[in-house]
């Protein structure tokens, strides 16, 4: 039997719509945590970190890390990462910063160029984390 648990932490931005920060599905020997999209909002102020694209990317990784921890894991448990950029010219910068948050084996990943993101963000990421019980 599977169990669905909503994950929430005050260390990441609260949901700004009709969704949860993450949802954990438990059953069998593994748990799967679906991490909702994070944009570069400061969790304390709920305002966009908008000084540089680098800081926006770092804030998104920090937000995802906080939600992963609340779900019982870490970024190292992420098996699939989806990245949305409003400017693919930042792809190399993204890779450089990501190397500071992940170690091998890296998650499967997609990086997609999009026209716009909520609140004028330059980057958004979501992911899937798998935990062994």
N, C-alpha and C. Protein backbone atom coordinates (compact mmCIF):
# COMPACT_ATOMS: atom_id res chain seq x y z
N UNK A 1 0.83 -1.18 0.00
CA UNK A 1 0.00 0.00 0.00
C UNK A 1 0.88 1.25 0.00
N UNK A 2 0.54 2.23 -0.82
CA UNK A 2 1.30 3.47 -0.87
C UNK A 2 0.65 4.54 -0.01
N UNK A 3 1.50 5.42 0.48
CA UNK A 3 1.04 6.53 1.32
C UNK A 3 1.55 7.83 0.72
N UNK A 4 0.71 8.85 0.67
CA UNK A 4 1.07 10.15 0.13
C UNK A 4 1.20 11.14 1.29
N UNK A 5 2.35 11.83 1.37
CA UNK A 5 2.61 12.80 2.42
C UNK A 5 3.00 14.13 1.79
N UNK A 6 2.39 15.20 2.23
CA UNK A 6 2.75 16.54 1.77
C UNK A 6 3.96 17.01 2.58
N UNK A 7 4.96 17.54 1.90
CA UNK A 7 6.18 18.03 2.52
C UNK A 7 6.13 19.55 2.56
N UNK A 8 6.50 20.12 3.71
CA UNK A 8 6.54 21.57 3.85
C UNK A 8 7.70 21.96 4.75
N UNK A 9 8.38 23.05 4.40
CA UNK A 9 9.41 23.63 5.25
C UNK A 9 9.35 25.14 5.15
N UNK A 10 9.61 25.80 6.25
CA UNK A 10 9.71 27.27 6.26
C UNK A 10 11.06 27.73 5.72
N UNK A 11 11.98 26.79 5.46
CA UNK A 11 13.31 27.12 4.94
C UNK A 11 13.32 27.29 3.42
N UNK A 12 12.17 27.14 2.80
CA UNK A 12 12.00 27.38 1.36
C UNK A 12 10.74 28.22 1.20
N UNK A 13 10.61 28.89 0.07
CA UNK A 13 9.42 29.72 -0.14
C UNK A 13 8.14 28.91 -0.04
N UNK A 14 7.13 29.49 0.59
CA UNK A 14 5.84 28.81 0.63
C UNK A 14 5.24 28.81 -0.77
N UNK A 15 4.36 27.88 -1.01
CA UNK A 15 3.73 27.76 -2.32
C UNK A 15 2.99 29.06 -2.65
N UNK A 16 3.12 29.52 -3.90
CA UNK A 16 2.43 30.74 -4.32
C UNK A 16 1.24 30.41 -5.22
N UNK A 17 0.77 29.19 -5.10
CA UNK A 17 -0.37 28.75 -5.89
C UNK A 17 -0.97 27.50 -5.29
N UNK A 18 -1.71 26.80 -6.09
CA UNK A 18 -2.41 25.59 -5.62
C UNK A 18 -1.53 24.36 -5.81
N UNK A 19 -0.47 24.29 -5.02
CA UNK A 19 0.44 23.15 -5.07
C UNK A 19 1.16 23.04 -3.73
N UNK A 20 1.84 21.93 -3.50
CA UNK A 20 2.65 21.69 -2.32
C UNK A 20 4.13 21.86 -2.69
N UNK A 21 4.97 22.17 -1.71
CA UNK A 21 6.41 22.27 -1.98
C UNK A 21 6.94 20.93 -2.50
N UNK A 22 6.42 19.84 -1.95
CA UNK A 22 6.79 18.50 -2.41
C UNK A 22 5.75 17.51 -1.92
N UNK A 23 5.72 16.36 -2.57
CA UNK A 23 4.84 15.27 -2.17
C UNK A 23 5.67 14.00 -2.16
N UNK A 24 5.59 13.27 -1.04
CA UNK A 24 6.33 12.01 -0.88
C UNK A 24 5.37 10.84 -1.04
N UNK A 25 5.77 9.89 -1.86
CA UNK A 25 5.01 8.66 -2.04
C UNK A 25 5.83 7.53 -1.41
N UNK A 26 5.27 6.89 -0.39
CA UNK A 26 5.96 5.82 0.33
C UNK A 26 5.27 4.49 0.05
N UNK A 27 6.07 3.48 -0.08
CA UNK A 27 5.56 2.13 -0.30
C UNK A 27 6.69 1.24 -0.75
N UNK A 28 6.77 0.07 -0.18
CA UNK A 28 7.87 -0.82 -0.54
C UNK A 28 9.17 -0.37 0.06
N UNK A 29 10.25 -0.60 -0.66
CA UNK A 29 11.59 -0.32 -0.15
C UNK A 29 12.09 1.09 -0.46
N UNK A 30 11.35 1.84 -1.27
CA UNK A 30 11.78 3.19 -1.61
C UNK A 30 10.65 4.19 -1.39
N UNK A 31 11.06 5.44 -1.28
CA UNK A 31 10.13 6.56 -1.25
C UNK A 31 10.51 7.49 -2.39
N UNK A 32 9.52 8.00 -3.07
CA UNK A 32 9.76 8.95 -4.15
C UNK A 32 9.20 10.29 -3.70
N UNK A 33 10.03 11.33 -3.84
CA UNK A 33 9.61 12.67 -3.46
C UNK A 33 9.62 13.52 -4.72
N UNK A 34 8.48 14.10 -5.02
CA UNK A 34 8.32 14.98 -6.17
C UNK A 34 8.46 16.41 -5.69
N UNK A 35 9.55 17.07 -6.09
CA UNK A 35 9.85 18.43 -5.67
C UNK A 35 9.23 19.41 -6.66
N UNK A 36 8.36 20.27 -6.17
CA UNK A 36 7.73 21.26 -7.03
C UNK A 36 8.75 22.29 -7.51
N UNK A 37 8.39 22.98 -8.56
CA UNK A 37 9.27 24.00 -9.12
C UNK A 37 9.58 25.08 -8.10
N UNK A 38 10.85 25.44 -8.05
CA UNK A 38 11.31 26.53 -7.18
C UNK A 38 11.87 27.64 -8.04
N UNK A 39 11.46 28.86 -7.73
CA UNK A 39 12.06 30.02 -8.34
C UNK A 39 12.90 30.71 -7.27
N UNK A 40 13.70 31.71 -7.64
CA UNK A 40 14.64 32.30 -6.68
C UNK A 40 13.99 33.29 -5.71
N UNK A 41 13.05 32.79 -4.91
CA UNK A 41 12.45 33.61 -3.87
C UNK A 41 13.21 33.40 -2.57
N UNK A 42 13.44 34.49 -1.86
CA UNK A 42 13.99 34.41 -0.52
C UNK A 42 12.88 33.91 0.39
N UNK A 43 13.07 32.80 1.10
CA UNK A 43 11.98 32.24 1.91
C UNK A 43 11.52 33.17 3.04
N UNK A 44 12.40 34.01 3.54
CA UNK A 44 12.03 34.91 4.64
C UNK A 44 11.16 36.07 4.19
N UNK A 45 11.44 36.58 2.99
CA UNK A 45 10.72 37.77 2.51
C UNK A 45 9.74 37.48 1.38
N UNK A 46 9.88 36.30 0.77
CA UNK A 46 9.07 35.91 -0.39
C UNK A 46 9.24 36.89 -1.55
N UNK A 47 10.42 37.51 -1.62
CA UNK A 47 10.74 38.39 -2.74
C UNK A 47 11.81 37.75 -3.60
N UNK A 48 11.82 38.12 -4.86
CA UNK A 48 12.77 37.58 -5.82
C UNK A 48 14.17 38.10 -5.54
N UNK A 49 15.13 37.19 -5.54
CA UNK A 49 16.54 37.56 -5.46
C UNK A 49 16.91 37.94 -6.89
N UNK A 50 17.00 39.24 -7.16
CA UNK A 50 17.11 39.63 -8.56
C UNK A 50 18.37 40.40 -8.91
N UNK A 51 19.39 40.34 -8.06
CA UNK A 51 20.57 41.13 -8.39
C UNK A 51 21.41 40.54 -9.51
N UNK A 52 21.60 39.20 -9.55
CA UNK A 52 22.34 38.58 -10.64
C UNK A 52 21.72 37.22 -10.95
N UNK A 53 21.95 36.75 -12.15
CA UNK A 53 21.49 35.41 -12.53
C UNK A 53 22.19 34.37 -11.67
N UNK A 54 23.47 34.59 -11.37
CA UNK A 54 24.20 33.65 -10.52
C UNK A 54 23.52 33.50 -9.16
N UNK A 55 23.15 34.61 -8.55
CA UNK A 55 22.48 34.54 -7.25
C UNK A 55 21.11 33.89 -7.36
N UNK A 56 20.41 34.12 -8.47
CA UNK A 56 19.12 33.46 -8.67
C UNK A 56 19.29 31.95 -8.77
N UNK A 57 20.28 31.49 -9.51
CA UNK A 57 20.51 30.06 -9.65
C UNK A 57 20.86 29.45 -8.29
N UNK A 58 21.73 30.11 -7.55
CA UNK A 58 22.12 29.61 -6.22
C UNK A 58 20.91 29.56 -5.28
N UNK A 59 20.05 30.58 -5.32
CA UNK A 59 18.87 30.59 -4.45
C UNK A 59 17.94 29.44 -4.79
N UNK A 60 17.78 29.14 -6.07
CA UNK A 60 16.93 28.01 -6.46
C UNK A 60 17.51 26.70 -5.93
N UNK A 61 18.81 26.49 -6.08
CA UNK A 61 19.42 25.28 -5.52
C UNK A 61 19.26 25.23 -4.01
N UNK A 62 19.42 26.37 -3.33
CA UNK A 62 19.23 26.41 -1.88
C UNK A 62 17.79 26.05 -1.51
N UNK A 63 16.83 26.58 -2.26
CA UNK A 63 15.42 26.28 -2.00
C UNK A 63 15.13 24.80 -2.21
N UNK A 64 15.62 24.24 -3.32
CA UNK A 64 15.42 22.81 -3.58
C UNK A 64 16.07 21.97 -2.49
N UNK A 65 17.25 22.38 -2.04
CA UNK A 65 17.96 21.65 -0.99
C UNK A 65 17.14 21.64 0.30
N UNK A 66 16.53 22.76 0.64
CA UNK A 66 15.71 22.85 1.86
C UNK A 66 14.50 21.94 1.78
N UNK A 67 13.85 21.90 0.62
CA UNK A 67 12.68 21.03 0.46
C UNK A 67 13.11 19.56 0.47
N UNK A 68 14.24 19.26 -0.17
CA UNK A 68 14.76 17.88 -0.16
C UNK A 68 15.03 17.44 1.28
N UNK A 69 15.63 18.30 2.09
CA UNK A 69 15.91 17.97 3.49
C UNK A 69 14.61 17.74 4.26
N UNK A 70 13.61 18.56 4.01
CA UNK A 70 12.32 18.39 4.69
C UNK A 70 11.67 17.07 4.29
N UNK A 71 11.99 16.59 3.09
CA UNK A 71 11.46 15.32 2.62
C UNK A 71 12.28 14.12 3.07
N UNK A 72 13.35 14.35 3.82
CA UNK A 72 14.16 13.26 4.34
C UNK A 72 15.39 12.93 3.53
N UNK A 73 15.78 13.79 2.61
CA UNK A 73 16.94 13.50 1.77
C UNK A 73 17.80 14.72 1.55
N UNK A 74 18.50 14.72 0.42
CA UNK A 74 19.37 15.83 0.04
C UNK A 74 19.40 15.91 -1.48
N UNK A 75 20.08 16.91 -1.99
CA UNK A 75 20.21 17.01 -3.44
C UNK A 75 20.88 15.78 -4.03
N UNK A 76 21.71 15.09 -3.26
CA UNK A 76 22.37 13.88 -3.76
C UNK A 76 21.37 12.76 -4.04
N UNK A 77 20.16 12.86 -3.49
CA UNK A 77 19.12 11.85 -3.72
C UNK A 77 18.25 12.18 -4.93
N UNK A 78 18.49 13.33 -5.55
CA UNK A 78 17.71 13.73 -6.73
C UNK A 78 18.15 12.87 -7.91
N UNK A 79 17.17 12.22 -8.54
CA UNK A 79 17.48 11.37 -9.69
C UNK A 79 17.11 12.04 -11.01
N UNK A 80 16.24 13.05 -10.96
CA UNK A 80 15.83 13.77 -12.17
C UNK A 80 15.66 15.23 -11.82
N UNK A 81 16.26 16.10 -12.60
CA UNK A 81 16.20 17.54 -12.38
C UNK A 81 15.77 18.20 -13.68
N UNK A 82 14.77 19.06 -13.59
CA UNK A 82 14.33 19.84 -14.74
C UNK A 82 14.67 21.30 -14.46
N UNK A 83 15.33 21.93 -15.43
CA UNK A 83 15.76 23.32 -15.28
C UNK A 83 15.16 24.14 -16.41
N UNK A 84 14.58 25.26 -16.05
CA UNK A 84 13.96 26.17 -17.01
C UNK A 84 14.69 27.50 -16.92
N UNK A 85 15.25 27.95 -18.04
CA UNK A 85 15.98 29.21 -18.11
C UNK A 85 15.33 30.14 -19.12
N UNK A 86 15.23 31.41 -18.76
CA UNK A 86 14.69 32.37 -19.73
C UNK A 86 15.75 32.80 -20.75
N UNK A 87 17.01 32.45 -20.49
CA UNK A 87 18.09 32.76 -21.43
C UNK A 87 19.10 31.61 -21.39
N UNK A 88 19.15 30.82 -22.45
CA UNK A 88 20.06 29.68 -22.48
C UNK A 88 21.53 30.10 -22.56
N UNK A 89 21.80 31.38 -22.70
CA UNK A 89 23.18 31.87 -22.63
C UNK A 89 23.76 31.63 -21.24
N UNK A 90 22.90 31.39 -20.24
CA UNK A 90 23.35 31.14 -18.86
C UNK A 90 23.59 29.64 -18.59
N UNK A 91 23.54 28.82 -19.63
CA UNK A 91 23.70 27.38 -19.48
C UNK A 91 25.05 27.01 -18.87
N UNK A 92 26.13 27.63 -19.33
CA UNK A 92 27.47 27.33 -18.80
C UNK A 92 27.57 27.74 -17.33
N UNK A 93 27.04 28.90 -16.98
CA UNK A 93 27.03 29.35 -15.59
C UNK A 93 26.25 28.37 -14.72
N UNK A 94 25.12 27.92 -15.22
CA UNK A 94 24.31 26.94 -14.50
C UNK A 94 25.12 25.68 -14.22
N UNK A 95 25.82 25.16 -15.22
CA UNK A 95 26.64 23.96 -15.04
C UNK A 95 27.73 24.18 -14.00
N UNK A 96 28.37 25.34 -14.05
CA UNK A 96 29.43 25.66 -13.09
C UNK A 96 28.88 25.68 -11.66
N UNK A 97 27.74 26.33 -11.46
CA UNK A 97 27.15 26.42 -10.12
C UNK A 97 26.64 25.06 -9.67
N UNK A 98 26.02 24.31 -10.57
CA UNK A 98 25.49 22.99 -10.23
C UNK A 98 26.58 22.06 -9.71
N UNK A 99 27.78 22.20 -10.25
CA UNK A 99 28.90 21.35 -9.82
C UNK A 99 29.24 21.58 -8.35
N UNK A 100 28.86 22.71 -7.80
CA UNK A 100 29.08 22.97 -6.39
C UNK A 100 28.01 22.41 -5.48
N UNK A 101 26.89 21.99 -6.05
CA UNK A 101 25.77 21.46 -5.27
C UNK A 101 25.62 19.94 -5.40
N UNK A 102 26.17 19.36 -6.47
CA UNK A 102 26.03 17.94 -6.74
C UNK A 102 27.39 17.30 -6.92
N UNK A 103 27.47 16.01 -6.62
CA UNK A 103 28.65 15.22 -6.95
C UNK A 103 28.18 14.02 -7.77
N UNK A 104 29.11 13.38 -8.43
CA UNK A 104 28.75 12.21 -9.24
C UNK A 104 28.27 11.08 -8.35
N UNK A 105 27.34 10.30 -8.78
CA UNK A 105 26.66 10.36 -10.06
C UNK A 105 25.62 11.49 -10.07
N UNK A 106 25.68 12.28 -11.12
CA UNK A 106 24.76 13.40 -11.27
C UNK A 106 23.37 12.90 -11.64
N UNK A 107 22.34 13.69 -11.34
CA UNK A 107 20.99 13.27 -11.74
C UNK A 107 20.79 13.39 -13.25
N UNK A 108 19.83 12.67 -13.75
CA UNK A 108 19.39 12.91 -15.11
C UNK A 108 18.84 14.33 -15.13
N UNK A 109 18.94 15.01 -16.28
CA UNK A 109 18.59 16.42 -16.28
C UNK A 109 18.09 16.88 -17.63
N UNK A 110 17.22 17.87 -17.60
CA UNK A 110 16.82 18.58 -18.81
C UNK A 110 17.00 20.06 -18.53
N UNK A 111 17.48 20.80 -19.51
CA UNK A 111 17.57 22.26 -19.41
C UNK A 111 16.80 22.82 -20.59
N UNK A 112 15.79 23.60 -20.28
CA UNK A 112 14.84 24.05 -21.29
C UNK A 112 14.78 25.57 -21.30
N UNK A 113 14.85 26.16 -22.48
CA UNK A 113 14.68 27.59 -22.63
C UNK A 113 13.21 27.93 -22.70
N UNK A 114 12.79 28.90 -21.91
CA UNK A 114 11.38 29.31 -21.86
C UNK A 114 11.28 30.82 -22.05
N UNK A 115 10.11 31.27 -22.45
CA UNK A 115 9.90 32.70 -22.70
C UNK A 115 9.82 33.50 -21.40
N UNK A 116 9.19 32.94 -20.39
CA UNK A 116 9.08 33.66 -19.12
C UNK A 116 8.77 32.69 -18.00
N UNK A 117 9.00 33.16 -16.76
CA UNK A 117 8.75 32.37 -15.56
C UNK A 117 8.01 33.23 -14.55
N UNK A 118 7.37 32.61 -13.55
CA UNK A 118 6.64 33.40 -12.55
C UNK A 118 7.50 34.47 -11.90
N UNK A 119 6.88 35.60 -11.64
CA UNK A 119 7.49 36.74 -10.94
C UNK A 119 8.73 37.31 -11.64
N UNK A 120 8.89 36.99 -12.92
CA UNK A 120 10.02 37.52 -13.68
C UNK A 120 11.34 36.83 -13.38
N UNK A 121 11.29 35.63 -12.80
CA UNK A 121 12.50 34.88 -12.48
C UNK A 121 13.25 34.50 -13.75
N UNK A 122 14.57 34.35 -13.62
CA UNK A 122 15.41 33.91 -14.73
C UNK A 122 15.55 32.40 -14.79
N UNK A 123 15.21 31.72 -13.67
CA UNK A 123 15.42 30.28 -13.59
C UNK A 123 14.36 29.66 -12.67
N UNK A 124 13.97 28.44 -13.00
CA UNK A 124 13.11 27.62 -12.15
C UNK A 124 13.58 26.19 -12.28
N UNK A 125 13.48 25.44 -11.19
CA UNK A 125 13.86 24.02 -11.22
C UNK A 125 12.88 23.20 -10.42
N UNK A 126 12.65 21.97 -10.88
CA UNK A 126 11.91 20.97 -10.12
C UNK A 126 12.65 19.66 -10.21
N UNK A 127 12.26 18.69 -9.43
CA UNK A 127 12.99 17.43 -9.48
C UNK A 127 12.26 16.27 -8.85
N UNK A 128 12.86 15.12 -8.96
CA UNK A 128 12.36 13.90 -8.37
C UNK A 128 13.49 13.30 -7.55
N UNK A 129 13.18 12.97 -6.30
CA UNK A 129 14.15 12.40 -5.37
C UNK A 129 13.69 11.01 -4.98
N UNK A 130 14.61 10.06 -4.94
CA UNK A 130 14.28 8.71 -4.52
C UNK A 130 15.11 8.36 -3.29
N UNK A 131 14.41 7.88 -2.26
CA UNK A 131 15.04 7.52 -0.99
C UNK A 131 14.87 6.04 -0.74
N UNK A 132 15.89 5.41 -0.19
CA UNK A 132 15.81 4.00 0.20
C UNK A 132 15.47 3.95 1.66
N UNK A 133 14.48 3.13 2.01
CA UNK A 133 14.07 3.02 3.42
C UNK A 133 15.07 2.21 4.19
